[in-house]
Amino acid sequence: MKFASISKVCIAACMALAMAGCSSWDSMSHRQKSAVGGAALGGVAGAVITNGGVLGTVGGAAIGGVIGDQIGKH
């Protein structure tokens, strides 16, 4: 198995775990939900842009989370 395919499997598993952690979604505020959604979209975008690079995925998730948090403020 190539490193790139292992990386993609790892990213998919991490995203599945993150979504499973949203089982308490009902008790979250709108701002928190926006941050989680932004982090998920940012992580996917970062992975696509960097062709599955870990740093790009984590960076995209961090930036997406901040943007989602700020959007959810209003």
PDB file of N, CA and C in Angstrom:
ATOM      1  N   MET A   1       0.840  -1.172   0.000  1.00  0.00           N
ATOM      2  CA  MET A   1       0.000   0.000   0.000  1.00  0.00           C
ATOM      3  C   MET A   1       0.889   1.240   0.000  1.00  0.00           C
ATOM      4  N   LYS A   2       0.574   2.168  -0.845  1.00  0.00           N
ATOM      5  CA  LYS A   2       1.357   3.396  -0.929  1.00  0.00           C
ATOM      6  C   LYS A   2       1.047   4.303   0.252  1.00  0.00           C
ATOM      7  N   PHE A   3       1.994   5.206   0.546  1.00  0.00           N
ATOM      8  CA  PHE A   3       1.812   6.156   1.636  1.00  0.00           C
ATOM      9  C   PHE A   3       0.607   7.049   1.391  1.00  0.00           C
ATOM     10  N   ALA A   4       0.378   7.434   0.140  1.00  0.00           N
ATOM     11  CA  ALA A   4      -0.740   8.326  -0.180  1.00  0.00           C
ATOM     12  C   ALA A   4      -2.077   7.667   0.136  1.00  0.00           C
ATOM     13  N   SER A   5      -2.215   6.381  -0.163  1.00  0.00           N
ATOM     14  CA  SER A   5      -3.483   5.712   0.122  1.00  0.00           C
ATOM     15  C   SER A   5      -3.652   5.480   1.619  1.00  0.00           C
ATOM     16  N   ILE A   6      -2.549   5.243   2.340  1.00  0.00           N
ATOM     17  CA  ILE A   6      -2.618   5.119   3.795  1.00  0.00           C
ATOM     18  C   ILE A   6      -3.042   6.451   4.396  1.00  0.00           C
ATOM     19  N   SER A   7      -2.509   7.524   3.857  1.00  0.00           N
ATOM     20  CA  SER A   7      -2.845   8.857   4.337  1.00  0.00           C
ATOM     21  C   SER A   7      -4.326   9.151   4.126  1.00  0.00           C
ATOM     22  N   LYS A   8      -4.852   8.776   2.978  1.00  0.00           N
ATOM     23  CA  LYS A   8      -6.274   9.010   2.693  1.00  0.00           C
ATOM     24  C   LYS A   8      -7.166   8.191   3.609  1.00  0.00           C
ATOM     25  N   VAL A   9      -6.765   6.965   3.899  1.00  0.00           N
ATOM     26  CA  VAL A   9      -7.538   6.125   4.816  1.00  0.00           C
ATOM     27  C   VAL A   9      -7.512   6.732   6.216  1.00  0.00           C
ATOM     28  N   CYS A  10      -6.364   7.231   6.625  1.00  0.00           N
ATOM     29  CA  CYS A  10      -6.232   7.864   7.934  1.00  0.00           C
ATOM     30  C   CYS A  10      -7.111   9.112   8.028  1.00  0.00           C
ATOM     31  N   ILE A  11      -7.123   9.903   6.981  1.00  0.00           N
ATOM     32  CA  ILE A  11      -7.954  11.114   6.956  1.00  0.00           C
ATOM     33  C   ILE A  11      -9.427  10.734   7.036  1.00  0.00           C
ATOM     34  N   ALA A  12      -9.833   9.725   6.287  1.00  0.00           N
ATOM     35  CA  ALA A  12     -11.232   9.300   6.311  1.00  0.00           C
ATOM     36  C   ALA A  12     -11.618   8.777   7.696  1.00  0.00           C
ATOM     37  N   ALA A  13     -10.722   8.039   8.332  1.00  0.00           N
ATOM     38  CA  ALA A  13     -11.001   7.520   9.673  1.00  0.00           C
ATOM     39  C   ALA A  13     -11.107   8.650  10.689  1.00  0.00           C
ATOM     40  N   CYS A  14     -10.229   9.630  10.573  1.00  0.00           N
ATOM     41  CA  CYS A  14     -10.286  10.776  11.488  1.00  0.00           C
ATOM     42  C   CYS A  14     -11.572  11.568  11.303  1.00  0.00           C
ATOM     43  N   MET A  15     -11.993  11.735  10.074  1.00  0.00           N
ATOM     44  CA  MET A  15     -13.242  12.459   9.824  1.00  0.00           C
ATOM     45  C   MET A  15     -14.438  11.675  10.356  1.00  0.00           C
ATOM     46  N   ALA A  16     -14.403  10.349  10.232  1.00  0.00           N
ATOM     47  CA  ALA A  16     -15.498   9.528  10.755  1.00  0.00           C
ATOM     48  C   ALA A  16     -15.563   9.634  12.272  1.00  0.00           C
ATOM     49  N   LEU A  17     -14.403   9.635  12.917  1.00  0.00           N
ATOM     50  CA  LEU A  17     -14.375   9.793  14.368  1.00  0.00           C
ATOM     51  C   LEU A  17     -14.874  11.170  14.787  1.00  0.00           C
ATOM     52  N   ALA A  18     -14.510  12.178  14.021  1.00  0.00           N
ATOM     53  CA  ALA A  18     -14.960  13.534  14.337  1.00  0.00           C
ATOM     54  C   ALA A  18     -16.476  13.635  14.215  1.00  0.00           C
ATOM     55  N   MET A  19     -17.027  13.029  13.193  1.00  0.00           N
ATOM     56  CA  MET A  19     -18.477  13.070  13.020  1.00  0.00           C
ATOM     57  C   MET A  19     -19.180  12.245  14.104  1.00  0.00           C
ATOM     58  N   ALA A  20     -18.561  11.152  14.534  1.00  0.00           N
ATOM     59  CA  ALA A  20     -19.140  10.359  15.620  1.00  0.00           C
ATOM     60  C   ALA A  20     -19.147  11.171  16.912  1.00  0.00           C
ATOM     61  N   GLY A  21     -18.177  12.035  17.067  1.00  0.00           N
ATOM     62  CA  GLY A  21     -18.130  12.908  18.233  1.00  0.00           C
ATOM     63  C   GLY A  21     -19.221  13.957  18.219  1.00  0.00           C
ATOM     64  N   CYS A  22     -19.895  14.100  17.116  1.00  0.00           N
ATOM     65  CA  CYS A  22     -20.992  15.074  17.002  1.00  0.00           C
ATOM     66  C   CYS A  22     -22.311  14.474  17.466  1.00  0.00           C
ATOM     67  N   SER A  23     -22.263  13.358  18.208  1.00  0.00           N
ATOM     68  CA  SER A  23     -23.499  12.764  18.703  1.00  0.00           C
ATOM     69  C   SER A  23     -24.184  13.682  19.703  1.00  0.00           C
ATOM     70  N   SER A  24     -23.429  14.606  20.266  1.00  0.00           N
ATOM     71  CA  SER A  24     -24.013  15.585  21.179  1.00  0.00           C
ATOM     72  C   SER A  24     -24.324  16.889  20.441  1.00  0.00           C
ATOM     73  N   TRP A  25     -24.567  16.786  19.161  1.00  0.00           N
ATOM     74  CA  TRP A  25     -24.811  17.926  18.281  1.00  0.00           C
ATOM     75  C   TRP A  25     -25.968  18.788  18.786  1.00  0.00           C
ATOM     76  N   ASP A  26     -26.984  18.172  19.377  1.00  0.00           N
ATOM     77  CA  ASP A  26     -28.162  18.914  19.826  1.00  0.00           C
ATOM     78  C   ASP A  26     -27.845  19.901  20.949  1.00  0.00           C
ATOM     79  N   SER A  27     -26.844  19.580  21.754  1.00  0.00           N
ATOM     80  CA  SER A  27     -26.524  20.460  22.873  1.00  0.00           C
ATOM     81  C   SER A  27     -25.510  21.546  22.499  1.00  0.00           C
ATOM     82  N   MET A  28     -25.081  21.569  21.247  1.00  0.00           N
ATOM     83  CA  MET A  28     -24.103  22.566  20.807  1.00  0.00           C
ATOM     84  C   MET A  28     -24.805  23.845  20.356  1.00  0.00           C
ATOM     85  N   SER A  29     -24.120  24.964  20.549  1.00  0.00           N
ATOM     86  CA  SER A  29     -24.654  26.236  20.076  1.00  0.00           C
ATOM     87  C   SER A  29     -24.459  26.347  18.563  1.00  0.00           C
ATOM     88  N   HIS A  30     -25.121  27.324  17.977  1.00  0.00           N
ATOM     89  CA  HIS A  30     -24.985  27.552  16.536  1.00  0.00           C
ATOM     90  C   HIS A  30     -23.526  27.851  16.178  1.00  0.00           C
ATOM     91  N   ARG A  31     -22.860  28.603  17.015  1.00  0.00           N
ATOM     92  CA  ARG A  31     -21.461  28.964  16.766  1.00  0.00           C
ATOM     93  C   ARG A  31     -20.560  27.726  16.788  1.00  0.00           C
ATOM     94  N   GLN A  32     -20.792  26.824  17.735  1.00  0.00           N
ATOM     95  CA  GLN A  32     -19.998  25.606  17.813  1.00  0.00           C
ATOM     96  C   GLN A  32     -20.246  24.704  16.605  1.00  0.00           C
ATOM     97  N   LYS A  33     -21.494  24.616  16.194  1.00  0.00           N
ATOM     98  CA  LYS A  33     -21.816  23.815  15.005  1.00  0.00           C
ATOM     99  C   LYS A  33     -21.141  24.387  13.769  1.00  0.00           C
ATOM    100  N   SER A  34     -21.103  25.708  13.663  1.00  0.00           N
ATOM    101  CA  SER A  34     -20.443  26.354  12.522  1.00  0.00           C
ATOM    102  C   SER A  34     -18.947  26.077  12.533  1.00  0.00           C
ATOM    103  N   ALA A  35     -18.342  26.072  13.716  1.00  0.00           N
ATOM    104  CA  ALA A  35     -16.907  25.797  13.822  1.00  0.00           C
ATOM    105  C   ALA A  35     -16.596  24.364  13.405  1.00  0.00           C
ATOM    106  N   VAL A  36     -17.429  23.415  13.827  1.00  0.00           N
ATOM    107  CA  VAL A  36     -17.216  22.011  13.449  1.00  0.00           C
ATOM    108  C   VAL A  36     -17.369  21.834  11.941  1.00  0.00           C
ATOM    109  N   GLY A  37     -18.404  22.436  11.380  1.00  0.00           N
ATOM    110  CA  GLY A  37     -18.611  22.345   9.931  1.00  0.00           C
ATOM    111  C   GLY A  37     -17.483  22.984   9.152  1.00  0.00           C
ATOM    112  N   GLY A  38     -17.022  24.136   9.625  1.00  0.00           N
ATOM    113  CA  GLY A  38     -15.901  24.804   8.968  1.00  0.00           C
ATOM    114  C   GLY A  38     -14.626  23.989   9.037  1.00  0.00           C
ATOM    115  N   ALA A  39     -14.392  23.362  10.183  1.00  0.00           N
ATOM    116  CA  ALA A  39     -13.196  22.527  10.329  1.00  0.00           C
ATOM    117  C   ALA A  39     -13.251  21.323   9.396  1.00  0.00           C
ATOM    118  N   ALA A  40     -14.425  20.726   9.276  1.00  0.00           N
ATOM    119  CA  ALA A  40     -14.575  19.573   8.375  1.00  0.00           C
ATOM    120  C   ALA A  40     -14.333  19.973   6.922  1.00  0.00           C
ATOM    121  N   LEU A  41     -14.972  21.057   6.508  1.00  0.00           N
ATOM    122  CA  LEU A  41     -14.787  21.513   5.122  1.00  0.00           C
ATOM    123  C   LEU A  41     -13.352  21.973   4.872  1.00  0.00           C
ATOM    124  N   GLY A  42     -12.776  22.662   5.840  1.00  0.00           N
ATOM    125  CA  GLY A  42     -11.389  23.111   5.694  1.00  0.00           C
ATOM    126  C   GLY A  42     -10.411  21.956   5.614  1.00  0.00           C
ATOM    127  N   GLY A  43     -10.663  20.913   6.411  1.00  0.00           N
ATOM    128  CA  GLY A  43      -9.800  19.728   6.370  1.00  0.00           C
ATOM    129  C   GLY A  43      -9.864  19.026   5.025  1.00  0.00           C
ATOM    130  N   VAL A  44     -11.059  18.897   4.494  1.00  0.00           N
ATOM    131  CA  VAL A  44     -11.213  18.277   3.172  1.00  0.00           C
ATOM    132  C   VAL A  44     -10.543  19.127   2.102  1.00  0.00           C
ATOM    133  N   ALA A  45     -10.772  20.443   2.157  1.00  0.00           N
ATOM    134  CA  ALA A  45     -10.158  21.334   1.166  1.00  0.00           C
ATOM    135  C   ALA A  45      -8.641  21.294   1.259  1.00  0.00           C
ATOM    136  N   GLY A  46      -8.116  21.303   2.481  1.00  0.00           N
ATOM    137  CA  GLY A  46      -6.665  21.234   2.659  1.00  0.00           C
ATOM    138  C   GLY A  46      -6.079  19.934   2.137  1.00  0.00           C
ATOM    139  N   ALA A  47      -6.801  18.836   2.349  1.00  0.00           N
ATOM    140  CA  ALA A  47      -6.337  17.537   1.851  1.00  0.00           C
ATOM    141  C   ALA A  47      -6.337  17.495   0.333  1.00  0.00           C
ATOM    142  N   VAL A  48      -7.369  18.074  -0.271  1.00  0.00           N
ATOM    143  CA  VAL A  48      -7.456  18.079  -1.734  1.00  0.00           C
ATOM    144  C   VAL A  48      -6.363  18.954  -2.330  1.00  0.00           C
ATOM    145  N   ILE A  49      -6.178  20.122  -1.761  1.00  0.00           N
ATOM    146  CA  ILE A  49      -5.195  21.067  -2.303  1.00  0.00           C
ATOM    147  C   ILE A  49      -3.770  20.522  -2.192  1.00  0.00           C
ATOM    148  N   THR A  50      -3.465  19.863  -1.053  1.00  0.00           N
ATOM    149  CA  THR A  50      -2.100  19.362  -0.850  1.00  0.00           C
ATOM    150  C   THR A  50      -1.949  17.902  -1.238  1.00  0.00           C
ATOM    151  N   ASN A  51      -2.964  17.360  -1.922  1.00  0.00           N
ATOM    152  CA  ASN A  51      -2.921  15.971  -2.386  1.00  0.00           C
ATOM    153  C   ASN A  51      -2.739  14.994  -1.222  1.00  0.00           C
ATOM    154  N   GLY A  52      -3.506  15.215  -0.147  1.00  0.00           N
ATOM    155  CA  GLY A  52      -3.479  14.319   1.002  1.00  0.00           C
ATOM    156  C   GLY A  52      -2.395  14.616   2.007  1.00  0.00           C
ATOM    157  N   GLY A  53      -1.763  15.766   1.918  1.00  0.00           N
ATOM    158  CA  GLY A  53      -0.708  16.115   2.865  1.00  0.00           C
ATOM    159  C   GLY A  53      -1.275  16.360   4.255  1.00  0.00           C
ATOM    160  N   VAL A  54      -0.595  15.819   5.258  1.00  0.00           N
ATOM    161  CA  VAL A  54      -1.072  15.936   6.629  1.00  0.00           C
ATOM    162  C   VAL A  54      -1.082  17.396   7.082  1.00  0.00           C
ATOM    163  N   LEU A  55      -0.028  18.108   6.795  1.00  0.00           N
ATOM    164  CA  LEU A  55       0.067  19.504   7.212  1.00  0.00           C
ATOM    165  C   LEU A  55      -1.031  20.345   6.550  1.00  0.00           C
ATOM    166  N   GLY A  56      -1.292  20.113   5.300  1.00  0.00           N
ATOM    167  CA  GLY A  56      -2.350  20.832   4.600  1.00  0.00           C
ATOM    168  C   GLY A  56      -3.726  20.506   5.152  1.00  0.00           C
ATOM    169  N   THR A  57      -3.935  19.241   5.513  1.00  0.00           N
ATOM    170  CA  THR A  57      -5.223  18.827   6.065  1.00  0.00           C
ATOM    171  C   THR A  57      -5.459  19.456   7.434  1.00  0.00           C
ATOM    172  N   VAL A  58      -4.456  19.377   8.293  1.00  0.00           N
ATOM    173  CA  VAL A  58      -4.580  19.954   9.633  1.00  0.00           C
ATOM    174  C   VAL A  58      -4.692  21.477   9.559  1.00  0.00           C
ATOM    175  N   GLY A  59      -3.886  22.083   8.711  1.00  0.00           N
ATOM    176  CA  GLY A  59      -3.953  23.533   8.546  1.00  0.00           C
ATOM    177  C   GLY A  59      -5.296  23.981   8.004  1.00  0.00           C
ATOM    178  N   GLY A  60      -5.820  23.249   7.033  1.00  0.00           N
ATOM    179  CA  GLY A  60      -7.128  23.576   6.480  1.00  0.00           C
ATOM    180  C   GLY A  60      -8.230  23.439   7.508  1.00  0.00           C
ATOM    181  N   ALA A  61      -8.129  22.398   8.344  1.00  0.00           N
ATOM    182  CA  ALA A  61      -9.130  22.209   9.399  1.00  0.00           C
ATOM    183  C   ALA A  61      -9.065  23.334  10.424  1.00  0.00           C
ATOM    184  N   ALA A  62      -7.858  23.740  10.779  1.00  0.00           N
ATOM    185  CA  ALA A  62      -7.704  24.827  11.754  1.00  0.00           C
ATOM    186  C   ALA A  62      -8.260  26.138  11.203  1.00  0.00           C
ATOM    187  N   ILE A  63      -7.891  26.447   9.989  1.00  0.00           N
ATOM    188  CA  ILE A  63      -8.369  27.700   9.377  1.00  0.00           C
ATOM    189  C   ILE A  63      -9.882  27.645   9.167  1.00  0.00           C
ATOM    190  N   GLY A  64     -10.388  26.507   8.708  1.00  0.00           N
ATOM    191  CA  GLY A  64     -11.821  26.354   8.511  1.00  0.00           C
ATOM    192  C   GLY A  64     -12.599  26.462   9.812  1.00  0.00           C
ATOM    193  N   GLY A  65     -12.039  25.924  10.893  1.00  0.00           N
ATOM    194  CA  GLY A  65     -12.685  26.027  12.203  1.00  0.00           C
ATOM    195  C   GLY A  65     -12.788  27.464  12.674  1.00  0.00           C
ATOM    196  N   VAL A  66     -11.721  28.218  12.469  1.00  0.00           N
ATOM    197  CA  VAL A  66     -11.729  29.640  12.870  1.00  0.00           C
ATOM    198  C   VAL A  66     -12.739  30.412  12.038  1.00  0.00           C
ATOM    199  N   ILE A  67     -12.743  30.168  10.742  1.00  0.00           N
ATOM    200  CA  ILE A  67     -13.695  30.873   9.872  1.00  0.00           C
ATOM    201  C   ILE A  67     -15.137  30.504  10.226  1.00  0.00           C
ATOM    202  N   GLY A  68     -15.385  29.211  10.456  1.00  0.00           N
ATOM    203  CA  GLY A  68     -16.722  28.774  10.841  1.00  0.00           C
ATOM    204  C   GLY A  68     -17.161  29.377  12.165  1.00  0.00           C
ATOM    205  N   ASP A  69     -16.229  29.487  13.095  1.00  0.00           N
ATOM    206  CA  ASP A  69     -16.531  30.099  14.391  1.00  0.00           C
ATOM    207  C   ASP A  69     -16.924  31.567  14.232  1.00  0.00           C
ATOM    208  N   GLN A  70     -16.189  32.271  13.396  1.00  0.00           N
ATOM    209  CA  GLN A  70     -16.480  33.687  13.192  1.00  0.00           C
ATOM    210  C   GLN A  70     -17.797  33.903  12.440  1.00  0.00           C
ATOM    211  N   ILE A  71     -18.083  33.030  11.490  1.00  0.00           N
ATOM    212  CA  ILE A  71     -19.352  33.121  10.765  1.00  0.00           C
ATOM    213  C   ILE A  71     -20.517  32.784  11.693  1.00  0.00           C
ATOM    214  N   GLY A  72     -20.332  31.798  12.567  1.00  0.00           N
ATOM    215  CA  GLY A  72     -21.385  31.392  13.484  1.00  0.00           C
ATOM    216  C   GLY A  72     -21.693  32.410  14.565  1.00  0.00           C
ATOM    217  N   LYS A  73     -20.830  33.411  14.700  1.00  0.00           N
ATOM    218  CA  LYS A  73     -21.035  34.463  15.702  1.00  0.00           C
ATOM    219  C   LYS A  73     -22.282  35.270  15.411  1.00  0.00           C
ATOM    220  N   HIS A  74     -22.604  35.416  14.144  1.00  0.00           N
ATOM    221  CA  HIS A  74     -23.679  36.331  13.738  1.00  0.00           C
ATOM    222  C   HIS A  74     -24.969  35.610  13.517  1.00  0.00           C
TER     223      HIS A  74
END
